[in-house]
Amino acid sequence: MTDRELLEAAAKAVGLSSTGEVYALGLKLLDGPHNYWNPLASNSDAFQLAVASGQFPSFPLRRSCDPRVVHCGRYWDSRDSMWYPYEEPLGSDPGAAARRVLVRAVAGDFVE
C-alpha cells in the first residue's frame, strides 16, 4: 500500500471523512478548510488513531523478541494459516516506526 492508501484506509477505519486528497501535511479531512490528518508524521494524530482503533504499538521487551522491530496488531496469512504481527524496523527513529506500524495495522484490519 502507498502512504496515501494507508492514510485513506486508516481514516475510514476510524470513521473520518476525507476528500481523498493528500498533501505534504497529510490527508485533507472534510470537516474544515485546513484540517489535515497524518498519523504517519504526527504523534498527536497517531495517538488519536491508536485510541480510536484500540491498536497500540509494542516495542520488544523480552529477549525472545527481535529488538530491531516494533509490532502492532496482526494479520491472517491464508497461505500458511498463521497469524503474523505487523512489523516495522526501528531504524534511527523509533517514533516513526511506531506510527507507521500503527497505521499499517489499522488500515490492514480495515481492508482485509
PDB file of N, CA and C in Angstrom:
ATOM      1  N   MET A   1       0.830  -1.187   0.000  1.00  0.00           N
ATOM      2  CA  MET A   1       0.000   0.000   0.000  1.00  0.00           C
ATOM      3  C   MET A   1       0.875   1.252   0.000  1.00  0.00           C
ATOM      4  N   THR A   2       0.436   2.260  -0.711  1.00  0.00           N
ATOM      5  CA  THR A   2       1.124   3.542  -0.672  1.00  0.00           C
ATOM      6  C   THR A   2       0.743   4.283   0.603  1.00  0.00           C
ATOM      7  N   ASP A   3       1.495   5.335   0.933  1.00  0.00           N
ATOM      8  CA  ASP A   3       1.154   6.136   2.106  1.00  0.00           C
ATOM      9  C   ASP A   3      -0.251   6.709   1.972  1.00  0.00           C
ATOM     10  N   ARG A   4      -0.604   7.134   0.786  1.00  0.00           N
ATOM     11  CA  ARG A   4      -1.942   7.682   0.552  1.00  0.00           C
ATOM     12  C   ARG A   4      -3.018   6.640   0.855  1.00  0.00           C
ATOM     13  N   GLU A   5      -2.831   5.429   0.344  1.00  0.00           N
ATOM     14  CA  GLU A   5      -3.801   4.355   0.586  1.00  0.00           C
ATOM     15  C   GLU A   5      -3.864   4.000   2.064  1.00  0.00           C
ATOM     16  N   LEU A   6      -2.703   3.996   2.742  1.00  0.00           N
ATOM     17  CA  LEU A   6      -2.679   3.720   4.182  1.00  0.00           C
ATOM     18  C   LEU A   6      -3.491   4.765   4.936  1.00  0.00           C
ATOM     19  N   LEU A   7      -3.252   6.038   4.627  1.00  0.00           N
ATOM     20  CA  LEU A   7      -3.970   7.108   5.325  1.00  0.00           C
ATOM     21  C   LEU A   7      -5.468   7.031   5.061  1.00  0.00           C
ATOM     22  N   GLU A   8      -5.853   6.802   3.816  1.00  0.00           N
ATOM     23  CA  GLU A   8      -7.277   6.722   3.483  1.00  0.00           C
ATOM     24  C   GLU A   8      -7.950   5.555   4.189  1.00  0.00           C
ATOM     25  N   ALA A   9      -7.315   4.383   4.171  1.00  0.00           N
ATOM     26  CA  ALA A   9      -7.903   3.200   4.813  1.00  0.00           C
ATOM     27  C   ALA A   9      -7.975   3.370   6.327  1.00  0.00           C
ATOM     28  N   ALA A  10      -6.925   3.947   6.930  1.00  0.00           N
ATOM     29  CA  ALA A  10      -6.931   4.155   8.381  1.00  0.00           C
ATOM     30  C   ALA A  10      -8.007   5.165   8.768  1.00  0.00           C
ATOM     31  N   ALA A  11      -8.155   6.219   7.971  1.00  0.00           N
ATOM     32  CA  ALA A  11      -9.192   7.221   8.256  1.00  0.00           C
ATOM     33  C   ALA A  11     -10.579   6.587   8.191  1.00  0.00           C
ATOM     34  N   LYS A  12     -10.825   5.793   7.168  1.00  0.00           N
ATOM     35  CA  LYS A  12     -12.121   5.121   7.046  1.00  0.00           C
ATOM     36  C   LYS A  12     -12.360   4.172   8.216  1.00  0.00           C
ATOM     37  N   ALA A  13     -11.303   3.503   8.653  1.00  0.00           N
ATOM     38  CA  ALA A  13     -11.434   2.525   9.736  1.00  0.00           C
ATOM     39  C   ALA A  13     -11.900   3.163  11.038  1.00  0.00           C
ATOM     40  N   VAL A  14     -11.543   4.425  11.246  1.00  0.00           N
ATOM     41  CA  VAL A  14     -11.947   5.091  12.489  1.00  0.00           C
ATOM     42  C   VAL A  14     -13.038   6.132  12.255  1.00  0.00           C
ATOM     43  N   GLY A  15     -13.655   6.098  11.070  1.00  0.00           N
ATOM     44  CA  GLY A  15     -14.820   6.925  10.809  1.00  0.00           C
ATOM     45  C   GLY A  15     -14.549   8.361  10.422  1.00  0.00           C
ATOM     46  N   LEU A  16     -13.352   8.682   9.956  1.00  0.00           N
ATOM     47  CA  LEU A  16     -13.062  10.039   9.495  1.00  0.00           C
ATOM     48  C   LEU A  16     -13.419  10.160   8.020  1.00  0.00           C
ATOM     49  N   SER A  17     -14.018  11.266   7.658  1.00  0.00           N
ATOM     50  CA  SER A  17     -14.358  11.515   6.256  1.00  0.00           C
ATOM     51  C   SER A  17     -13.285  12.401   5.641  1.00  0.00           C
ATOM     52  N   SER A  18     -12.832  12.029   4.463  1.00  0.00           N
ATOM     53  CA  SER A  18     -11.781  12.806   3.810  1.00  0.00           C
ATOM     54  C   SER A  18     -12.190  13.167   2.395  1.00  0.00           C
ATOM     55  N   THR A  19     -11.442  14.105   1.829  1.00  0.00           N
ATOM     56  CA  THR A  19     -11.660  14.484   0.438  1.00  0.00           C
ATOM     57  C   THR A  19     -10.951  13.523  -0.495  1.00  0.00           C
ATOM     58  N   GLY A  20     -10.079  12.692   0.056  1.00  0.00           N
ATOM     59  CA  GLY A  20      -9.272  11.787  -0.756  1.00  0.00           C
ATOM     60  C   GLY A  20      -8.000  12.438  -1.257  1.00  0.00           C
ATOM     61  N   GLU A  21      -7.828  13.721  -0.917  1.00  0.00           N
ATOM     62  CA  GLU A  21      -6.629  14.442  -1.339  1.00  0.00           C
ATOM     63  C   GLU A  21      -5.564  14.346  -0.258  1.00  0.00           C
ATOM     64  N   VAL A  22      -4.326  14.094  -0.679  1.00  0.00           N
ATOM     65  CA  VAL A  22      -3.223  14.019   0.266  1.00  0.00           C
ATOM     66  C   VAL A  22      -2.203  15.087  -0.116  1.00  0.00           C
ATOM     67  N   TYR A  23      -1.840  15.892   0.863  1.00  0.00           N
ATOM     68  CA  TYR A  23      -0.855  16.951   0.688  1.00  0.00           C
ATOM     69  C   TYR A  23       0.343  16.647   1.568  1.00  0.00           C
ATOM     70  N   ALA A  24       1.334  17.504   1.557  1.00  0.00           N
ATOM     71  CA  ALA A  24       2.514  17.324   2.404  1.00  0.00           C
ATOM     72  C   ALA A  24       2.122  17.246   3.877  1.00  0.00           C
ATOM     73  N   LEU A  25       1.056  17.953   4.253  1.00  0.00           N
ATOM     74  CA  LEU A  25       0.609  17.951   5.651  1.00  0.00           C
ATOM     75  C   LEU A  25      -0.209  16.717   5.998  1.00  0.00           C
ATOM     76  N   GLY A  26      -0.691  16.007   5.005  1.00  0.00           N
ATOM     77  CA  GLY A  26      -1.463  14.806   5.274  1.00  0.00           C
ATOM     78  C   GLY A  26      -2.752  14.747   4.487  1.00  0.00           C
ATOM     79  N   LEU A  27      -3.633  13.882   4.923  1.00  0.00           N
ATOM     80  CA  LEU A  27      -4.922  13.653   4.283  1.00  0.00           C
ATOM     81  C   LEU A  27      -5.867  14.804   4.624  1.00  0.00           C
ATOM     82  N   LYS A  28      -6.489  15.393   3.609  1.00  0.00           N
ATOM     83  CA  LYS A  28      -7.415  16.511   3.820  1.00  0.00           C
ATOM     84  C   LYS A  28      -8.755  15.954   4.279  1.00  0.00           C
ATOM     85  N   LEU A  29      -9.168  16.364   5.483  1.00  0.00           N
ATOM     86  CA  LEU A  29     -10.448  15.926   6.027  1.00  0.00           C
ATOM     87  C   LEU A  29     -11.564  16.860   5.576  1.00  0.00           C
ATOM     88  N   LEU A  30     -12.782  16.373   5.604  1.00  0.00           N
ATOM     89  CA  LEU A  30     -13.928  17.157   5.137  1.00  0.00           C
ATOM     90  C   LEU A  30     -14.386  18.218   6.131  1.00  0.00           C
ATOM     91  N   ASP A  31     -14.058  18.065   7.393  1.00  0.00           N
ATOM     92  CA  ASP A  31     -14.641  18.945   8.417  1.00  0.00           C
ATOM     93  C   ASP A  31     -13.798  20.177   8.733  1.00  0.00           C
ATOM     94  N   GLY A  32     -13.234  20.817   7.736  1.00  0.00           N
ATOM     95  CA  GLY A  32     -12.516  22.061   7.981  1.00  0.00           C
ATOM     96  C   GLY A  32     -11.661  22.459   6.794  1.00  0.00           C
ATOM     97  N   PRO A  33     -11.464  23.767   6.592  1.00  0.00           N
ATOM     98  CA  PRO A  33     -10.714  24.227   5.433  1.00  0.00           C
ATOM     99  C   PRO A  33      -9.220  23.882   5.506  1.00  0.00           C
ATOM    100  N   HIS A  34      -8.672  23.758   6.699  1.00  0.00           N
ATOM    101  CA  HIS A  34      -7.247  23.459   6.836  1.00  0.00           C
ATOM    102  C   HIS A  34      -7.022  22.287   7.767  1.00  0.00           C
ATOM    103  N   ASN A  35      -7.914  21.337   7.755  1.00  0.00           N
ATOM    104  CA  ASN A  35      -7.827  20.213   8.672  1.00  0.00           C
ATOM    105  C   ASN A  35      -7.138  19.038   7.981  1.00  0.00           C
ATOM    106  N   TYR A  36      -5.891  18.852   8.303  1.00  0.00           N
ATOM    107  CA  TYR A  36      -5.107  17.761   7.725  1.00  0.00           C
ATOM    108  C   TYR A  36      -4.824  16.724   8.800  1.00  0.00           C
ATOM    109  N   TRP A  37      -4.776  15.469   8.402  1.00  0.00           N
ATOM    110  CA  TRP A  37      -4.589  14.356   9.332  1.00  0.00           C
ATOM    111  C   TRP A  37      -3.476  13.467   8.798  1.00  0.00           C
ATOM    112  N   ASN A  38      -2.447  13.263   9.599  1.00  0.00           N
ATOM    113  CA  ASN A  38      -1.338  12.431   9.143  1.00  0.00           C
ATOM    114  C   ASN A  38      -0.691  11.689  10.315  1.00  0.00           C
ATOM    115  N   PRO A  39      -1.240  10.542  10.693  1.00  0.00           N
ATOM    116  CA  PRO A  39      -0.649   9.771  11.785  1.00  0.00           C
ATOM    117  C   PRO A  39       0.702   9.155  11.427  1.00  0.00           C
ATOM    118  N   LEU A  40       1.103   9.214  10.164  1.00  0.00           N
ATOM    119  CA  LEU A  40       2.441   8.753   9.791  1.00  0.00           C
ATOM    120  C   LEU A  40       3.516   9.746  10.240  1.00  0.00           C
ATOM    121  N   ALA A  41       3.126  11.020  10.382  1.00  0.00           N
ATOM    122  CA  ALA A  41       4.096  12.061  10.738  1.00  0.00           C
ATOM    123  C   ALA A  41       3.797  12.755  12.063  1.00  0.00           C
ATOM    124  N   SER A  42       2.555  12.721  12.505  1.00  0.00           N
ATOM    125  CA  SER A  42       2.139  13.463  13.688  1.00  0.00           C
ATOM    126  C   SER A  42       1.899  12.531  14.870  1.00  0.00           C
ATOM    127  N   ASN A  43       2.585  12.798  15.975  1.00  0.00           N
ATOM    128  CA  ASN A  43       2.378  11.991  17.178  1.00  0.00           C
ATOM    129  C   ASN A  43       0.949  12.129  17.702  1.00  0.00           C
ATOM    130  N   SER A  44       0.397  13.333  17.665  1.00  0.00           N
ATOM    131  CA  SER A  44      -0.954  13.509  18.198  1.00  0.00           C
ATOM    132  C   SER A  44      -1.992  12.805  17.328  1.00  0.00           C
ATOM    133  N   ASP A  45      -1.831  12.860  15.999  1.00  0.00           N
ATOM    134  CA  ASP A  45      -2.751  12.134  15.123  1.00  0.00           C
ATOM    135  C   ASP A  45      -2.607  10.622  15.319  1.00  0.00           C
ATOM    136  N   ALA A  46      -1.374  10.160  15.511  1.00  0.00           N
ATOM    137  CA  ALA A  46      -1.145   8.728  15.734  1.00  0.00           C
ATOM    138  C   ALA A  46      -1.768   8.283  17.060  1.00  0.00           C
ATOM    139  N   PHE A  47      -1.660   9.111  18.089  1.00  0.00           N
ATOM    140  CA  PHE A  47      -2.266   8.760  19.370  1.00  0.00           C
ATOM    141  C   PHE A  47      -3.785   8.697  19.248  1.00  0.00           C
ATOM    142  N   GLN A  48      -4.379   9.671  18.558  1.00  0.00           N
ATOM    143  CA  GLN A  48      -5.827   9.651  18.344  1.00  0.00           C
ATOM    144  C   GLN A  48      -6.247   8.401  17.572  1.00  0.00           C
ATOM    145  N   LEU A  49      -5.447   8.006  16.582  1.00  0.00           N
ATOM    146  CA  LEU A  49      -5.733   6.794  15.815  1.00  0.00           C
ATOM    147  C   LEU A  49      -5.647   5.557  16.714  1.00  0.00           C
ATOM    148  N   ALA A  50      -4.632   5.498  17.559  1.00  0.00           N
ATOM    149  CA  ALA A  50      -4.473   4.355  18.463  1.00  0.00           C
ATOM    150  C   ALA A  50      -5.668   4.230  19.404  1.00  0.00           C
ATOM    151  N   VAL A  51      -6.081   5.338  19.973  1.00  0.00           N
ATOM    152  CA  VAL A  51      -7.222   5.322  20.902  1.00  0.00           C
ATOM    153  C   VAL A  51      -8.504   4.929  20.170  1.00  0.00           C
ATOM    154  N   ALA A  52      -8.729   5.525  18.996  1.00  0.00           N
ATOM    155  CA  ALA A  52      -9.955   5.252  18.245  1.00  0.00           C
ATOM    156  C   ALA A  52     -10.028   3.801  17.771  1.00  0.00           C
ATOM    157  N   SER A  53      -8.887   3.217  17.453  1.00  0.00           N
ATOM    158  CA  SER A  53      -8.872   1.861  16.906  1.00  0.00           C
ATOM    159  C   SER A  53      -8.626   0.779  17.950  1.00  0.00           C
ATOM    160  N   GLY A  54      -8.083   1.161  19.101  1.00  0.00           N
ATOM    161  CA  GLY A  54      -7.735   0.170  20.117  1.00  0.00           C
ATOM    162  C   GLY A  54      -6.442  -0.580  19.797  1.00  0.00           C
ATOM    163  N   GLN A  55      -5.700  -0.104  18.826  1.00  0.00           N
ATOM    164  CA  GLN A  55      -4.418  -0.715  18.450  1.00  0.00           C
ATOM    165  C   GLN A  55      -3.286   0.119  19.047  1.00  0.00           C
ATOM    166  N   PHE A  56      -2.325  -0.526  19.659  1.00  0.00           N
ATOM    167  CA  PHE A  56      -1.193   0.187  20.226  1.00  0.00           C
ATOM    168  C   PHE A  56       0.099  -0.537  19.867  1.00  0.00           C
ATOM    169  N   PRO A  57       1.074   0.178  19.332  1.00  0.00           N
ATOM    170  CA  PRO A  57       2.358  -0.451  19.004  1.00  0.00           C
ATOM    171  C   PRO A  57       3.044  -0.968  20.264  1.00  0.00           C
ATOM    172  N   SER A  58       3.804  -2.039  20.117  1.00  0.00           N
ATOM    173  CA  SER A  58       4.571  -2.556  21.245  1.00  0.00           C
ATOM    174  C   SER A  58       6.021  -2.730  20.821  1.00  0.00           C
ATOM    175  N   PHE A  59       6.881  -2.349  21.726  1.00  0.00           N
ATOM    176  CA  PHE A  59       8.311  -2.484  21.494  1.00  0.00           C
ATOM    177  C   PHE A  59       8.782  -3.754  22.178  1.00  0.00           C
ATOM    178  N   PRO A  60       9.780  -4.426  21.617  1.00  0.00           N
ATOM    179  CA  PRO A  60      10.242  -5.686  22.216  1.00  0.00           C
ATOM    180  C   PRO A  60      10.830  -5.440  23.599  1.00  0.00           C
ATOM    181  N   LEU A  61      10.309  -6.170  24.575  1.00  0.00           N
ATOM    182  CA  LEU A  61      10.789  -6.034  25.948  1.00  0.00           C
ATOM    183  C   LEU A  61      11.492  -7.302  26.435  1.00  0.00           C
ATOM    184  N   ARG A  62      11.314  -8.383  25.718  1.00  0.00           N
ATOM    185  CA  ARG A  62      11.911  -9.643  26.147  1.00  0.00           C
ATOM    186  C   ARG A  62      13.001 -10.059  25.169  1.00  0.00           C
ATOM    187  N   ARG A  63      13.903 -10.866  25.633  1.00  0.00           N
ATOM    188  CA  ARG A  63      14.975 -11.348  24.766  1.00  0.00           C
ATOM    189  C   ARG A  63      14.462 -12.227  23.637  1.00  0.00           C
ATOM    190  N   SER A  64      13.296 -12.831  23.841  1.00  0.00           N
ATOM    191  CA  SER A  64      12.752 -13.712  22.813  1.00  0.00           C
ATOM    192  C   SER A  64      12.229 -12.924  21.611  1.00  0.00           C
ATOM    193  N   CYS A  65      12.041 -11.613  21.787  1.00  0.00           N
ATOM    194  CA  CYS A  65      11.552 -10.774  20.696  1.00  0.00           C
ATOM    195  C   CYS A  65      12.731 -10.160  19.945  1.00  0.00           C
ATOM    196  N   ASP A  66      12.512  -9.887  18.677  1.00  0.00           N
ATOM    197  CA  ASP A  66      13.529  -9.230  17.871  1.00  0.00           C
ATOM    198  C   ASP A  66      13.643  -7.776  18.331  1.00  0.00           C
ATOM    199  N   PRO A  67      14.798  -7.352  18.834  1.00  0.00           N
ATOM    200  CA  PRO A  67      14.932  -5.993  19.359  1.00  0.00           C
ATOM    201  C   PRO A  67      14.983  -4.917  18.275  1.00  0.00           C
ATOM    202  N   ARG A  68      14.936  -5.321  17.016  1.00  0.00           N
ATOM    203  CA  ARG A  68      15.067  -4.352  15.924  1.00  0.00           C
ATOM    204  C   ARG A  68      13.737  -3.974  15.294  1.00  0.00           C
ATOM    205  N   VAL A  69      12.621  -4.470  15.816  1.00  0.00           N
ATOM    206  CA  VAL A  69      11.322  -4.182  15.206  1.00  0.00           C
ATOM    207  C   VAL A  69      10.298  -3.779  16.260  1.00  0.00           C
ATOM    208  N   VAL A  70       9.285  -3.047  15.812  1.00  0.00           N
ATOM    209  CA  VAL A  70       8.140  -2.702  16.647  1.00  0.00           C
ATOM    210  C   VAL A  70       6.923  -3.412  16.036  1.00  0.00           C
ATOM    211  N   HIS A  71       6.014  -3.882  16.879  1.00  0.00           N
ATOM    212  CA  HIS A  71       4.860  -4.673  16.443  1.00  0.00           C
ATOM    213  C   HIS A  71       3.565  -3.927  16.730  1.00  0.00           C
ATOM    214  N   CYS A  72       2.546  -4.237  15.945  1.00  0.00           N
ATOM    215  CA  CYS A  72       1.206  -3.721  16.231  1.00  0.00           C
ATOM    216  C   CYS A  72       0.195  -4.601  15.523  1.00  0.00           C
ATOM    217  N   GLY A  73      -0.808  -5.026  16.246  1.00  0.00           N
ATOM    218  CA  GLY A  73      -1.860  -5.835  15.646  1.00  0.00           C
ATOM    219  C   GLY A  73      -1.326  -7.111  15.023  1.00  0.00           C
ATOM    220  N   ARG A  74      -2.141  -7.723  14.182  1.00  0.00           N
ATOM    221  CA  ARG A  74      -1.717  -8.928  13.480  1.00  0.00           C
ATOM    222  C   ARG A  74      -2.641  -9.165  12.300  1.00  0.00           C
ATOM    223  N   TYR A  75      -2.164  -9.958  11.375  1.00  0.00           N
ATOM    224  CA  TYR A  75      -2.962 -10.268  10.191  1.00  0.00           C
ATOM    225  C   TYR A  75      -2.902 -11.762   9.926  1.00  0.00           C
ATOM    226  N   TRP A  76      -3.913 -12.261   9.229  1.00  0.00           N
ATOM    227  CA  TRP A  76      -4.034 -13.667   8.893  1.00  0.00           C
ATOM    228  C   TRP A  76      -3.431 -13.916   7.522  1.00  0.00           C
ATOM    229  N   ASP A  77      -2.518 -14.866   7.440  1.00  0.00           N
ATOM    230  CA  ASP A  77      -1.939 -15.252   6.154  1.00  0.00           C
ATOM    231  C   ASP A  77      -2.529 -16.599   5.773  1.00  0.00           C
ATOM    232  N   SER A  78      -3.402 -16.583   4.774  1.00  0.00           N
ATOM    233  CA  SER A  78      -4.108 -17.806   4.391  1.00  0.00           C
ATOM    234  C   SER A  78      -3.192 -18.813   3.697  1.00  0.00           C
ATOM    235  N   ARG A  79      -2.020 -18.355   3.231  1.00  0.00           N
ATOM    236  CA  ARG A  79      -1.102 -19.297   2.559  1.00  0.00           C
ATOM    237  C   ARG A  79      -0.605 -20.375   3.513  1.00  0.00           C
ATOM    238  N   ASP A  80      -0.345 -19.984   4.761  1.00  0.00           N
ATOM    239  CA  ASP A  80       0.121 -20.994   5.716  1.00  0.00           C
ATOM    240  C   ASP A  80      -0.753 -21.056   6.967  1.00  0.00           C
ATOM    241  N   SER A  81      -1.928 -20.441   6.907  1.00  0.00           N
ATOM    242  CA  SER A  81      -2.894 -20.459   8.010  1.00  0.00           C
ATOM    243  C   SER A  81      -2.264 -20.068   9.341  1.00  0.00           C
ATOM    244  N   MET A  82      -1.620 -18.890   9.341  1.00  0.00           N
ATOM    245  CA  MET A  82      -0.958 -18.397  10.557  1.00  0.00           C
ATOM    246  C   MET A  82      -1.268 -16.920  10.735  1.00  0.00           C
ATOM    247  N   TRP A  83      -1.259 -16.490  12.001  1.00  0.00           N
ATOM    248  CA  TRP A  83      -1.357 -15.068  12.329  1.00  0.00           C
ATOM    249  C   TRP A  83       0.049 -14.501  12.428  1.00  0.00           C
ATOM    250  N   TYR A  84       0.251 -13.325  11.875  1.00  0.00           N
ATOM    251  CA  TYR A  84       1.549 -12.657  11.939  1.00  0.00           C
ATOM    252  C   TYR A  84       1.347 -11.220  12.406  1.00  0.00           C
ATOM    253  N   PRO A  85       2.282 -10.689  13.199  1.00  0.00           N
ATOM    254  CA  PRO A  85       2.159  -9.281  13.597  1.00  0.00           C
ATOM    255  C   PRO A  85       2.621  -8.366  12.463  1.00  0.00           C
ATOM    256  N   TYR A  86       2.021  -7.188  12.399  1.00  0.00           N
ATOM    257  CA  TYR A  86       2.580  -6.151  11.536  1.00  0.00           C
ATOM    258  C   TYR A  86       3.877  -5.720  12.194  1.00  0.00           C
ATOM    259  N   GLU A  87       4.917  -5.546  11.421  1.00  0.00           N
ATOM    260  CA  GLU A  87       6.220  -5.175  11.967  1.00  0.00           C
ATOM    261  C   GLU A  87       6.829  -4.041  11.156  1.00  0.00           C
ATOM    262  N   GLU A  88       7.597  -3.209  11.835  1.00  0.00           N
ATOM    263  CA  GLU A  88       8.385  -2.166  11.188  1.00  0.00           C
ATOM    264  C   GLU A  88       9.757  -2.151  11.848  1.00  0.00           C
ATOM    265  N   PRO A  89      10.822  -2.014  11.061  1.00  0.00           N
ATOM    266  CA  PRO A  89      12.153  -1.902  11.661  1.00  0.00           C
ATOM    267  C   PRO A  89      12.265  -0.592  12.444  1.00  0.00           C
ATOM    268  N   LEU A  90      12.910  -0.665  13.598  1.00  0.00           N
ATOM    269  CA  LEU A  90      13.059   0.524  14.441  1.00  0.00           C
ATOM    270  C   LEU A  90      13.902   1.592  13.757  1.00  0.00           C
ATOM    271  N   GLY A  91      14.990   1.199  13.123  1.00  0.00           N
ATOM    272  CA  GLY A  91      15.849   2.165  12.456  1.00  0.00           C
ATOM    273  C   GLY A  91      16.321   3.251  13.405  1.00  0.00           C
ATOM    274  N   SER A  92      16.562   4.426  12.864  1.00  0.00           N
ATOM    275  CA  SER A  92      17.080   5.522  13.686  1.00  0.00           C
ATOM    276  C   SER A  92      15.962   6.350  14.325  1.00  0.00           C
ATOM    277  N   ASP A  93      14.699   6.097  13.949  1.00  0.00           N
ATOM    278  CA  ASP A  93      13.578   6.856  14.504  1.00  0.00           C
ATOM    279  C   ASP A  93      12.478   5.904  14.985  1.00  0.00           C
ATOM    280  N   PRO A  94      12.560   5.454  16.241  1.00  0.00           N
ATOM    281  CA  PRO A  94      11.545   4.540  16.765  1.00  0.00           C
ATOM    282  C   PRO A  94      10.131   5.124  16.726  1.00  0.00           C
ATOM    283  N   GLY A  95      10.003   6.440  16.852  1.00  0.00           N
ATOM    284  CA  GLY A  95       8.690   7.070  16.788  1.00  0.00           C
ATOM    285  C   GLY A  95       8.054   6.906  15.415  1.00  0.00           C
ATOM    286  N   ALA A  96       8.851   7.102  14.386  1.00  0.00           N
ATOM    287  CA  ALA A  96       8.349   6.938  13.016  1.00  0.00           C
ATOM    288  C   ALA A  96       7.949   5.492  12.770  1.00  0.00           C
ATOM    289  N   ALA A  97       8.731   4.551  13.284  1.00  0.00           N
ATOM    290  CA  ALA A  97       8.402   3.130  13.123  1.00  0.00           C
ATOM    291  C   ALA A  97       7.098   2.796  13.837  1.00  0.00           C
ATOM    292  N   ALA A  98       6.908   3.342  15.033  1.00  0.00           N
ATOM    293  CA  ALA A  98       5.680   3.087  15.792  1.00  0.00           C
ATOM    294  C   ALA A  98       4.470   3.668  15.070  1.00  0.00           C
ATOM    295  N   ARG A  99       4.607   4.878  14.556  1.00  0.00           N
ATOM    296  CA  ARG A  99       3.480   5.496  13.830  1.00  0.00           C
ATOM    297  C   ARG A  99       3.132   4.693  12.587  1.00  0.00           C
ATOM    298  N   ARG A 100       4.150   4.287  11.817  1.00  0.00           N
ATOM    299  CA  ARG A 100       3.899   3.566  10.566  1.00  0.00           C
ATOM    300  C   ARG A 100       3.259   2.203  10.831  1.00  0.00           C
ATOM    301  N   VAL A 101       3.750   1.462  11.820  1.00  0.00           N
ATOM    302  CA  VAL A 101       3.182   0.133  12.074  1.00  0.00           C
ATOM    303  C   VAL A 101       1.753   0.253  12.597  1.00  0.00           C
ATOM    304  N   LEU A 102       1.465   1.305  13.346  1.00  0.00           N
ATOM    305  CA  LEU A 102       0.102   1.544  13.813  1.00  0.00           C
ATOM    306  C   LEU A 102      -0.829   1.789  12.630  1.00  0.00           C
ATOM    307  N   VAL A 103      -0.440   2.673  11.729  1.00  0.00           N
ATOM    308  CA  VAL A 103      -1.278   2.979  10.563  1.00  0.00           C
ATOM    309  C   VAL A 103      -1.451   1.739   9.700  1.00  0.00           C
ATOM    310  N   ARG A 104      -0.385   0.969   9.513  1.00  0.00           N
ATOM    311  CA  ARG A 104      -0.479  -0.263   8.734  1.00  0.00           C
ATOM    312  C   ARG A 104      -1.466  -1.240   9.363  1.00  0.00           C
ATOM    313  N   ALA A 105      -1.394  -1.398  10.689  1.00  0.00           N
ATOM    314  CA  ALA A 105      -2.282  -2.351  11.373  1.00  0.00           C
ATOM    315  C   ALA A 105      -3.746  -1.913  11.265  1.00  0.00           C
ATOM    316  N   VAL A 106      -4.009  -0.639  11.480  1.00  0.00           N
ATOM    317  CA  VAL A 106      -5.389  -0.148  11.400  1.00  0.00           C
ATOM    318  C   VAL A 106      -5.890  -0.250   9.961  1.00  0.00           C
ATOM    319  N   ALA A 107      -5.098   0.190   9.009  1.00  0.00           N
ATOM    320  CA  ALA A 107      -5.501   0.124   7.597  1.00  0.00           C
ATOM    321  C   ALA A 107      -5.651  -1.315   7.146  1.00  0.00           C
ATOM    322  N   GLY A 108      -4.750  -2.177   7.544  1.00  0.00           N
ATOM    323  CA  GLY A 108      -4.810  -3.593   7.145  1.00  0.00           C
ATOM    324  C   GLY A 108      -6.019  -4.293   7.722  1.00  0.00           C
ATOM    325  N   ASP A 109      -6.357  -3.980   8.965  1.00  0.00           N
ATOM    326  CA  ASP A 109      -7.535  -4.583   9.573  1.00  0.00           C
ATOM    327  C   ASP A 109      -8.808  -4.140   8.842  1.00  0.00           C
ATOM    328  N   PHE A 110      -8.780  -2.935   8.307  1.00  0.00           N
ATOM    329  CA  PHE A 110      -9.964  -2.413   7.645  1.00  0.00           C
ATOM    330  C   PHE A 110     -10.132  -2.991   6.256  1.00  0.00           C
ATOM    331  N   VAL A 111      -9.045  -3.151   5.497  1.00  0.00           N
ATOM    332  CA  VAL A 111      -9.175  -3.602   4.117  1.00  0.00           C
ATOM    333  C   VAL A 111      -9.134  -5.110   3.977  1.00  0.00           C
ATOM    334  N   GLU A 112      -8.607  -5.816   4.946  1.00  0.00           N
ATOM    335  CA  GLU A 112      -8.500  -7.275   4.803  1.00  0.00           C
ATOM    336  C   GLU A 112      -9.745  -7.969   5.313  1.00  0.00           C
TER     337      GLU A 112
END
